[in-house]
Protein backbone atom coordinates (compact mmCIF):
# COMPACT_ATOMS: atom_id res chain seq x y z
CA MET A 1 130.25 142.72 37.39
CA ARG A 2 130.85 138.76 36.79
CA LYS A 3 130.56 138.54 40.21
CA PHE A 4 126.98 140.11 40.62
CA ARG A 5 125.61 137.97 37.77
CA TRP A 6 126.68 134.58 39.45
CA THR A 7 125.28 135.65 42.88
CA LEU A 8 121.93 136.63 41.09
CA ARG A 9 121.83 133.38 39.35
CA LEU A 10 122.48 131.18 42.65
CA LEU A 11 119.73 133.16 44.06
CA ILE A 12 117.16 132.42 41.36
CA LEU A 13 118.40 128.93 41.71
CA ILE A 14 117.48 128.58 45.15
CA LEU A 15 114.21 130.21 44.84
CA LEU A 16 113.27 127.69 42.32
CA ILE A 17 114.54 124.66 44.36
CA GLN A 18 112.46 126.22 47.18
CA LEU A 19 109.25 126.15 45.12
CA PHE A 20 110.05 122.62 44.35
CA ILE A 21 110.26 121.54 47.43
CA PHE A 22 106.95 123.39 48.41
CA GLY A 23 105.13 121.45 45.73
CA LEU A 24 106.63 118.26 46.87
CA SER A 25 105.92 118.71 50.61
CA SER A 26 102.81 120.53 50.58
CA PHE A 27 100.63 117.27 51.01
CA THR A 28 101.99 116.85 54.43
CA ASN A 29 102.42 120.16 55.98
CA ILE A 30 98.85 121.83 55.29
CA GLU A 31 97.84 120.95 58.72
CA PHE A 32 101.24 121.94 60.09
CA LEU A 33 100.32 124.86 61.93
CA LYS A 34 96.75 123.95 62.27
CA SER A 35 97.92 120.94 64.41
CA PHE A 36 99.26 123.11 67.04
CA GLY A 37 95.88 124.67 67.79
CA ILE A 38 94.30 122.61 70.31
CA SER A 39 90.59 123.17 70.68
CA TYR A 40 88.04 121.26 72.52
CA ALA A 41 84.20 120.71 71.58
CA SER A 42 81.81 120.32 74.32
CA SER A 43 81.29 116.64 75.74
CA GLU A 44 78.16 117.62 77.89
CA GLN A 45 75.13 115.28 77.34
CA THR A 46 72.48 117.20 75.70
CA PRO A 47 69.19 116.88 77.96
CA SER A 48 66.10 115.05 76.71
CA ASP A 49 63.04 117.11 75.71
CA PRO A 50 60.38 116.64 78.56
CA THR A 51 57.63 115.93 75.78
CA ASN A 52 59.82 113.12 74.05
CA THR A 53 59.33 110.27 76.55
CA ASN A 54 59.07 106.60 76.04
CA THR A 55 55.86 104.66 76.57
CA GLN A 56 54.53 105.12 79.99
CA PRO A 57 55.49 102.21 82.49
CA ASN A 58 52.84 100.18 83.89
CA ILE A 59 52.64 101.85 87.33
CA THR A 60 50.23 103.44 89.44
CA THR A 61 50.52 106.92 91.15
CA TYR A 62 48.14 108.52 93.48
CA SER A 63 49.07 112.31 92.90
CA LYS A 64 47.44 114.46 90.08
CA SER A 65 50.81 115.71 88.87
CA CYS A 66 54.19 114.00 89.22
CA ILE A 67 57.46 113.39 87.58
CA LEU A 68 60.39 111.06 87.57
CA MET A 69 63.66 112.20 86.14
CA ASP A 70 67.10 110.83 86.10
CA SER A 71 69.49 113.22 87.60
CA SER A 72 72.61 113.19 85.22
CA THR A 73 70.51 113.14 81.75
CA ARG A 74 67.31 114.87 82.66
CA LYS A 75 65.70 111.79 81.06
CA ILE A 76 62.14 111.50 82.02
CA LEU A 77 61.39 107.86 83.08
CA TYR A 78 57.82 108.59 84.19
CA GLU A 79 55.39 111.41 84.26
CA LYS A 80 51.86 112.41 84.88
CA ASN A 81 50.45 115.91 84.08
CA ALA A 82 54.22 117.07 84.72
CA ASN A 83 53.64 120.43 82.81
CA GLU A 84 50.32 121.33 84.58
CA VAL A 85 50.63 124.52 86.63
CA SER A 86 50.21 123.81 90.52
CA PHE A 87 50.90 125.52 93.84
CA PRO A 88 54.41 124.59 94.85
CA ALA A 89 53.91 125.18 98.83
CA SER A 90 57.11 124.98 100.53
CA THR A 91 59.03 123.38 98.02
CA THR A 92 59.58 126.99 96.82
CA LYS A 93 62.23 127.26 99.50
CA ILE A 94 64.67 125.30 97.00
CA MET A 95 64.86 128.29 94.83
CA THR A 96 65.30 130.52 98.12
CA ALA A 97 68.40 128.20 99.35
CA ILE A 98 70.11 128.20 95.76
CA LEU A 99 70.18 131.90 95.73
CA ALA A 100 71.19 132.38 99.31
CA LEU A 101 74.04 129.91 98.55
CA GLU A 102 75.04 131.77 95.32
CA LYS A 103 74.78 135.25 96.67
CA CYS A 104 76.44 134.65 100.30
CA SER A 105 78.95 133.28 102.30
CA LEU A 106 78.03 130.76 104.94
CA THR A 107 79.56 132.83 107.68
CA ASP A 108 77.57 135.96 106.71
CA VAL A 109 75.40 137.21 109.57
CA ALA A 110 71.72 138.28 108.90
CA THR A 111 69.63 140.10 111.33
CA VAL A 112 65.87 138.95 111.85
CA SER A 113 63.51 141.82 111.16
CA HIS A 114 60.05 142.50 112.68
CA ASN A 115 58.59 141.73 109.19
CA ALA A 116 60.42 138.33 109.34
CA ILE A 117 58.28 137.37 112.23
CA PHE A 118 55.12 138.90 112.07
CA SER A 119 54.59 138.09 108.36
CA ILE A 120 54.29 134.71 108.65
CA PRO A 121 50.40 133.32 109.38
CA PRO A 122 50.06 131.31 112.47
CA SER A 123 49.33 127.99 110.86
CA TYR A 124 52.50 128.17 109.04
CA SER A 125 55.67 126.47 110.33
CA HIS A 126 58.57 128.43 111.78
CA ALA A 127 61.85 128.14 113.86
CA SER A 128 60.82 130.74 116.61
CA LEU A 129 63.33 133.31 115.63
CA LYS A 130 63.61 136.48 117.64
CA GLU A 131 63.42 140.06 116.37
CA GLY A 132 66.98 141.24 116.31
CA GLU A 133 68.45 137.96 116.29
CA GLU A 134 71.69 137.35 114.41
CA LEU A 135 72.15 134.26 112.73
CA THR A 136 74.62 133.14 109.96
CA ILE A 137 73.72 132.39 106.48
CA GLU A 138 74.44 128.53 107.19
CA GLN A 139 72.22 128.49 110.32
CA LEU A 140 69.34 130.02 108.46
CA LEU A 141 69.52 127.38 105.54
CA ASN A 142 69.38 124.68 108.02
CA VAL A 143 66.16 125.83 109.41
CA LEU A 144 64.93 126.83 106.17
CA MET A 145 65.29 123.29 104.53
CA ILE A 146 64.83 120.75 107.44
CA PRO A 147 61.98 121.91 109.63
CA SER A 148 60.79 124.23 106.66
CA ALA A 149 60.82 127.64 108.69
CA ASN A 150 58.88 130.39 106.77
CA ASP A 151 60.56 133.06 109.08
CA ALA A 152 64.11 131.83 108.11
CA ALA A 153 62.91 132.29 104.30
CA VAL A 154 62.24 136.04 104.93
CA VAL A 155 65.30 136.66 106.83
CA LEU A 156 67.41 135.32 103.77
CA ALA A 157 65.35 137.19 101.04
CA GLU A 158 65.73 140.68 103.13
CA HIS A 159 69.33 140.05 103.75
CA ILE A 160 69.84 139.43 99.83
CA SER A 161 67.53 141.82 98.17
CA GLY A 162 66.23 144.25 101.06
CA SER A 163 62.67 142.95 100.43
CA THR A 164 60.64 139.70 99.57
CA GLU A 165 59.31 141.56 96.42
CA GLU A 166 62.84 142.30 95.07
CA PHE A 167 63.82 138.71 96.28
CA ALA A 168 60.95 137.33 94.38
CA ASN A 169 62.14 138.98 90.99
CA LEU A 170 65.56 137.24 91.61
CA MET A 171 63.77 133.92 92.20
CA ASN A 172 62.17 134.48 88.87
CA GLU A 173 65.10 135.25 87.13
CA LYS A 174 67.15 132.31 88.03
CA ALA A 175 64.19 130.12 87.29
CA LYS A 176 64.42 131.00 83.96
CA GLU A 177 68.35 130.67 83.63
CA ILE A 178 67.59 127.04 84.97
CA GLY A 179 65.31 126.37 82.24
CA CYS A 180 61.95 126.60 84.07
CA LEU A 181 59.34 127.83 81.79
CA ASN A 182 56.03 127.91 83.72
CA THR A 183 57.06 129.20 87.21
CA HIS A 184 56.27 132.45 88.92
CA PHE A 185 57.15 133.09 92.49
CA VAL A 186 55.91 135.90 94.52
CA ASN A 187 57.45 135.04 98.02
CA PRO A 188 60.39 133.25 99.12
CA ASN A 189 58.62 130.47 101.24
CA GLY A 190 55.57 129.33 99.56
CA ILE A 191 53.10 130.89 101.67
CA HIS A 192 49.81 130.38 99.46
CA ASP A 193 49.35 133.08 96.62
CA GLU A 194 47.31 132.57 93.50
CA ASN A 195 50.00 134.02 91.50
CA HIS A 196 52.60 131.69 93.02
CA THR A 197 52.87 128.89 90.66
CA THR A 198 55.23 126.10 89.03
CA THR A 199 55.09 122.68 87.55
CA ALA A 200 56.52 119.16 88.48
CA TYR A 201 59.01 119.61 85.61
CA ASP A 202 60.00 123.10 86.83
CA LEU A 203 60.55 121.69 90.43
CA ALA A 204 62.40 118.59 88.96
CA LEU A 205 65.10 121.20 87.08
CA MET A 206 65.29 123.09 90.53
CA GLY A 207 66.12 119.86 92.53
CA LYS A 208 68.68 118.75 90.09
CA TYR A 209 70.33 122.01 89.81
CA ALA A 210 70.32 122.73 93.83
CA MET A 211 71.79 119.08 94.19
CA GLN A 212 74.74 119.88 92.57
CA ASN A 213 75.93 121.99 95.43
CA SER A 214 77.65 120.24 98.18
CA THR A 215 76.47 122.35 100.85
CA PHE A 216 72.79 121.98 99.80
CA ARG A 217 73.23 118.36 99.46
CA ASN A 218 74.44 117.92 102.87
CA ILE A 219 71.95 120.25 104.41
CA VAL A 220 68.90 118.28 102.79
CA LYS A 221 70.05 114.71 103.82
CA LYS A 222 70.26 115.79 107.51
CA THR A 223 67.08 114.33 109.70
CA ARG A 224 67.66 116.85 112.76
CA TYR A 225 69.19 120.19 113.56
CA THR A 226 69.80 122.43 116.61
CA LEU A 227 69.95 126.15 116.42
CA PRO A 228 72.66 127.29 118.78
CA ALA A 229 72.42 129.96 121.42
CA THR A 230 72.61 133.63 119.87
CA ASN A 231 72.72 137.25 120.90
CA GLN A 232 68.79 137.26 121.35
CA TYR A 233 68.47 133.80 122.66
CA ASP A 234 70.69 132.03 125.41
CA LYS A 235 69.51 128.45 124.95
CA ALA A 236 70.31 125.76 122.55
CA ASP A 237 66.96 123.93 122.82
CA ARG A 238 65.31 124.83 119.67
CA ILE A 239 65.81 121.40 118.21
CA PHE A 240 64.00 120.61 114.59
CA ASN A 241 63.52 117.32 112.94
CA THR A 242 63.11 116.97 109.14
CA THR A 243 59.65 116.93 107.51
CA ASN A 244 60.89 114.26 105.17
CA GLU A 245 59.83 110.96 106.16
CA LEU A 246 61.73 109.01 103.59
CA LEU A 247 64.94 110.07 105.54
CA ARG A 248 63.82 108.88 108.90
CA GLU A 249 65.35 105.56 109.59
CA ASN A 250 63.28 103.00 111.95
CA ASN A 251 62.70 99.14 112.30
CA SER A 252 58.47 99.77 112.18
CA THR A 253 56.79 97.48 110.15
CA ARG A 254 53.66 99.87 110.11
CA LYS A 255 52.26 100.73 106.48
CA ASP A 256 53.04 104.47 107.43
CA ASN A 257 56.83 103.93 107.60
CA TYR A 258 58.08 105.76 104.66
CA TYR A 259 61.77 105.19 105.04
CA TYR A 260 63.48 104.74 101.77
CA PRO A 261 67.23 103.48 102.47
CA TYR A 262 68.38 105.22 99.15
CA ALA A 263 67.01 108.53 99.75
CA THR A 264 68.93 111.76 99.85
CA GLY A 265 66.66 114.66 100.30
CA ILE A 266 64.99 117.28 99.26
CA LYS A 267 62.07 119.08 100.48
CA THR A 268 58.66 118.79 101.30
CA GLY A 269 55.78 121.26 101.26
CA TYR A 270 52.00 121.60 102.33
CA THR A 271 49.04 123.97 102.05
CA THR A 272 45.72 123.45 102.22
CA GLU A 273 45.50 124.70 98.41
CA ALA A 274 48.61 122.98 97.29
CA GLY A 275 47.99 119.70 98.91
CA SER A 276 51.07 117.55 100.19
CA CYS A 277 54.08 118.19 97.84
CA ILE A 278 57.85 116.84 97.91
CA VAL A 279 60.91 117.17 95.74
CA ALA A 280 62.52 113.78 96.49
CA SER A 281 65.98 112.45 95.40
CA ALA A 282 67.53 108.94 95.93
CA SER A 283 70.79 107.29 94.79
CA LYS A 284 71.62 103.96 94.20
CA ASP A 285 74.72 102.26 92.05
CA GLY A 286 75.79 105.39 90.72
CA MET A 287 72.21 106.54 89.50
CA GLU A 288 70.25 109.33 90.91
CA VAL A 289 66.83 110.13 90.35
CA ILE A 290 64.57 112.98 91.27
CA ALA A 291 60.77 112.52 91.80
CA VAL A 292 58.39 115.44 92.10
CA ILE A 293 55.06 115.13 93.46
CA LEU A 294 52.29 117.74 93.60
CA GLY A 295 48.88 117.54 94.86
CA GLY A 296 49.07 114.94 97.01
CA GLU A 297 46.49 113.79 99.53
CA THR A 298 45.75 110.92 101.98
CA THR A 299 44.65 107.36 100.99
CA LYS A 300 41.49 105.81 102.05
CA ASP A 301 43.98 104.12 104.83
CA GLY A 302 45.22 107.61 105.80
CA LEU A 303 48.42 106.95 104.25
CA SER A 304 50.43 109.81 102.69
CA GLU A 305 50.21 109.69 98.71
CA ARG A 306 53.26 111.83 98.12
CA PHE A 307 55.66 109.44 100.30
CA LEU A 308 53.87 106.23 98.53
CA ASP A 309 54.23 107.60 95.38
CA CYS A 310 57.76 108.68 95.77
CA LYS A 311 59.02 105.23 96.88
CA THR A 312 57.04 103.62 94.00
CA LEU A 313 58.66 105.87 91.51
CA PHE A 314 62.01 105.36 93.13
CA ASP A 315 61.78 101.36 93.00
CA TYR A 316 60.62 101.51 89.41
CA ALA A 317 63.79 103.34 88.35
CA PHE A 318 66.35 101.29 90.30
CA GLU A 319 64.74 98.10 89.02
CA ASN A 320 64.41 99.12 85.38
CA TYR A 321 67.39 101.12 84.82
CA SER A 322 71.08 101.36 85.53
CA VAL A 323 74.03 103.52 84.62
CA LYS A 324 76.70 101.61 82.89
CA THR A 325 80.18 102.87 81.83
CA VAL A 326 80.93 102.49 78.07
CA HIS A 327 84.36 104.02 77.97
CA GLU A 328 86.73 105.25 81.01
CA LYS A 329 88.26 108.46 80.93
CA ASN A 330 91.36 108.57 78.43
CA SER A 331 90.69 105.05 77.64
CA VAL A 332 91.95 103.81 74.16
CA LEU A 333 89.10 103.51 71.66
CA GLN A 334 91.02 102.15 68.75
CA GLN A 335 94.27 102.56 66.58
CA ILE A 336 94.25 104.30 63.23
CA SER A 337 96.96 104.89 60.69
CA ILE A 338 97.67 108.18 59.66
CA LYS A 339 98.59 109.23 56.20
CA GLY A 340 101.65 111.35 55.62
CA ALA A 341 103.37 110.20 58.59
CA THR A 342 106.84 108.51 59.52
CA SER A 343 106.72 104.59 59.85
CA ASP A 344 107.50 105.23 63.71
CA THR A 345 104.58 107.36 64.27
CA LYS A 346 101.78 106.56 61.74
CA ASN A 347 100.11 104.10 63.95
CA LEU A 348 97.81 106.28 66.31
CA ASN A 349 95.76 105.36 69.50
CA VAL A 350 92.89 107.39 69.90
CA LEU A 351 91.73 108.13 73.30
CA VAL A 352 87.97 109.01 74.62
CA LYS A 353 88.59 112.29 76.35
CA ASP A 354 85.83 112.03 78.87
CA GLU A 355 84.17 109.06 80.67
CA ILE A 356 80.93 107.87 79.07
CA SER A 357 78.29 106.39 81.24
CA ILE A 358 74.90 105.67 79.70
CA LEU A 359 71.41 105.19 81.53
CA LEU A 360 70.18 102.09 80.02
CA GLU A 361 67.10 99.84 80.62
CA SER A 362 68.06 96.90 82.52
CA ASN A 363 67.19 94.38 79.65
CA LYS A 364 69.47 96.42 77.27
CA ASP A 365 73.36 95.39 76.63
CA VAL A 366 76.15 98.04 76.18
CA ALA A 367 77.45 95.95 73.56
CA ASP A 368 74.51 96.55 71.35
CA LEU A 369 75.18 100.21 71.30
CA ASN A 370 76.49 101.48 67.99
CA PRO A 371 78.26 104.91 68.44
CA GLU A 372 78.85 107.47 65.72
CA ILE A 373 82.65 108.22 65.19
CA THR A 374 83.81 111.09 63.22
CA PHE A 375 87.22 112.59 62.59
CA SER A 376 88.56 115.64 61.75
CA GLU A 377 88.45 116.27 57.87
CA ASP A 378 91.57 115.36 55.88
CA LEU A 379 93.03 113.78 58.93
CA LYS A 380 96.87 113.76 58.55
CA ALA A 381 100.39 114.33 59.78
CA PRO A 382 101.69 116.23 61.43
CA ILE A 383 99.56 115.60 64.62
CA SER A 384 100.31 117.26 68.29
CA GLU A 385 99.73 114.78 71.39
CA ASN A 386 96.39 115.23 73.14
CA SER A 387 95.01 117.25 70.13
CA VAL A 388 91.47 116.89 69.41
CA ILE A 389 91.09 114.77 66.33
CA GLY A 390 87.33 113.64 66.56
CA LYS A 391 84.51 112.90 68.41
CA ILE A 392 82.17 109.92 69.75
CA THR A 393 78.36 110.08 70.20
CA TYR A 394 76.09 107.45 71.37
CA GLN A 395 72.22 108.00 70.83
CA VAL A 396 70.12 106.27 73.56
CA ASP A 397 66.37 106.84 73.93
CA GLY A 398 66.41 110.34 72.74
CA THR A 399 69.55 111.38 75.00
CA GLU A 400 72.75 112.24 73.55
CA TYR A 401 76.27 110.96 75.22
CA SER A 402 79.51 112.09 73.54
CA SER A 403 83.03 112.74 74.10
CA ASP A 404 85.91 114.36 72.16
CA LEU A 405 88.73 111.88 70.75
CA LEU A 406 92.49 112.91 71.29
CA ALA A 407 95.49 111.72 69.89
CA GLU A 408 97.50 109.87 72.64
CA THR A 409 101.15 110.72 71.01
CA SER A 410 102.39 113.14 68.40
CA VAL A 411 102.62 112.15 64.66
CA ILE A 412 105.60 113.46 62.66
CA ALA A 413 104.97 114.10 58.99
CA SER A 414 107.22 112.31 56.79
CA GLY A 415 107.71 115.44 54.69
CA PHE A 416 109.55 117.10 57.71
CA LEU A 417 112.91 117.08 56.02
CA PRO A 418 111.76 119.10 53.16
CA ILE A 419 110.37 121.47 55.39
CA LEU A 420 113.83 121.71 57.26
CA LEU A 421 115.73 122.18 54.07
CA ARG A 422 113.31 124.96 53.14
CA ILE A 423 113.97 126.89 56.17
CA LEU A 424 117.54 126.56 55.60
CA LEU A 425 117.34 127.80 52.17
CA ILE A 426 115.66 130.59 53.22
CA PHE A 427 118.49 131.70 55.21
CA VAL A 428 120.94 131.20 52.71
CA THR A 429 118.77 133.28 50.40
CA LEU A 430 118.67 136.26 52.85
CA TYR A 431 122.55 136.02 53.10
CA LEU A 432 123.01 136.20 49.46
CA LEU A 433 120.76 138.94 49.29
CA TYR A 434 122.73 140.76 52.05
CA LEU A 435 125.90 140.31 50.15
CA LEU A 436 124.54 141.72 47.00
CA LEU A 437 122.81 144.68 48.55
CA LYS A 438 126.19 145.43 50.89
CA PRO A 439 127.65 148.73 50.01
CA LYS A 440 131.00 148.77 48.66
CA LYS A 441 134.07 150.19 50.56
CA LYS A 442 135.92 153.21 48.84
CA LYS A 443 139.74 152.12 47.98
CA GLY A 444 140.91 155.87 47.56
CA LYS A 445 144.80 156.47 46.90
CA ARG A 446 145.50 152.78 47.09
CA LYS A 447 143.41 152.61 43.74
CA SER A 448 145.32 155.61 41.98
CA SER A 449 148.69 154.20 42.93
CA SER A 450 147.97 150.92 41.41
CA LYS A 451 147.23 152.83 38.33
CA HIS A 452 150.28 154.86 38.32
CA LEU A 453 152.56 151.80 38.83
CA SER A 454 150.73 150.05 36.13
CA LYS A 455 151.12 153.11 33.62
CA ASN A 456 155.03 153.28 34.58
CA LYS A 457 155.27 149.49 33.42
CA LYS A 458 153.74 150.06 30.19
CA THR A 459 156.11 153.17 29.39
CA SER A 460 159.13 150.64 30.26
CA LYS A 461 157.99 148.03 27.95
CA LYS A 462 157.81 150.70 25.09
CA LYS A 463 161.27 151.71 25.68
CA ASN A 464 162.34 148.54 25.73
CA LYS A 465 161.03 147.55 22.47
CA LYS A 466 162.52 150.73 20.74
CA GLY A 467 166.17 150.15 22.00
CA GLY A 468 165.54 151.86 25.41
CA HIS A 469 168.18 151.95 27.86
CA PHE A 470 170.85 150.29 25.56
CA ARG A 471 170.32 153.24 23.04
CA ASP A 472 170.96 155.95 25.55
CA THR A 473 174.17 154.40 26.65
CA ARG A 474 175.59 154.44 23.19
CA PHE A 475 174.92 158.29 22.64
CA ARG A 476 176.75 158.91 26.12
CA ASN A 477 179.72 156.91 24.93
CA LEU A 478 179.98 159.04 21.79
């Protein structure tokens, strides 16, 4: 009974010690478990609103509808009637190529149908495909985008959806997914239809999206392509040149030399109703821009307005803007002191998780930018290495550039020893509970035997007190 009382008292004492340690160390271990759950906030740049543009630059463009967009940020550098609904002509084929790349493998084989050949009006461009001819998706994409073959567009549409009507539904779904709000397609090639419309802004979004695909990018920068011999055509004499004169390099000094050294694509278009159209891209010093021209005509000198406008817009972009890297990936932003940490780990280097490159006007300096830096609420030890502890954000001309902030090293809480002691005391407590609740073993005969011996000893003592054995001896002698 006495042993039970002492064990119970020891158990209560240990529980009181644990409660005291918990109160002493709670300010350091609140985030103990939380620090091991690493979560990453989005570091993507927020696209700019097409309606929130800067003051229009003092430049002149011919076309009735156009836009100049930075490809990485979607920032609009210049626009004129960019949301006006227009006919896209063959710039439609950008969307057809997007779906072909996403729905098919380049090595898939499609068969040219009767409809693919005879549905194309005589005045529209084609690749001289033959009924029953078998071509790979890669071959069809090349003749679709380089010479703007309308028959190739129908072959791709029928291969993917079974009909051009069903394929048009896919096109419209994809347009909405990309963010195009004023686009409605009814065919895969841009053959004129009153209900086949889009805007310069929507086409810029399609161009930006498509150029993220390396296969698409490689195709649209080509200036020539040759179809190989097939099952229905045994010659390799179907040679096609690009319709994008921005890509055609030459040394001519004529005014109609539209070659632009930084051009990288993308697609031209023309119908009588749509006029001359183009979705064009150019890249220089890490900056890529997309220009869209709709409704272009010819100048009094007989020059192409769409190519002249592209060169004007490209020159404006590269002369007045540049992409400047503010922070390299995993670069040290600053050093902060963490409360509740050990002296060896309290000074923590804060890393910028992603590279931050900002589109700036040429007359602006990176040093003048003031970021917003926010750290997690109640930031204290312990902290795990590479865990997210904050965020850095730059707001420049309506565009947001941001990245998560990471802990370079682990931070150990100064109250870690009390936590360890608590864990040890818990084990001791469990052991004492085990001793208290453990059933006792039965001692049986051994216990009764000890009682009998004890009784004999008592009887012997009584005899000794009353004369005992000495008294008996005297009676025997008598």
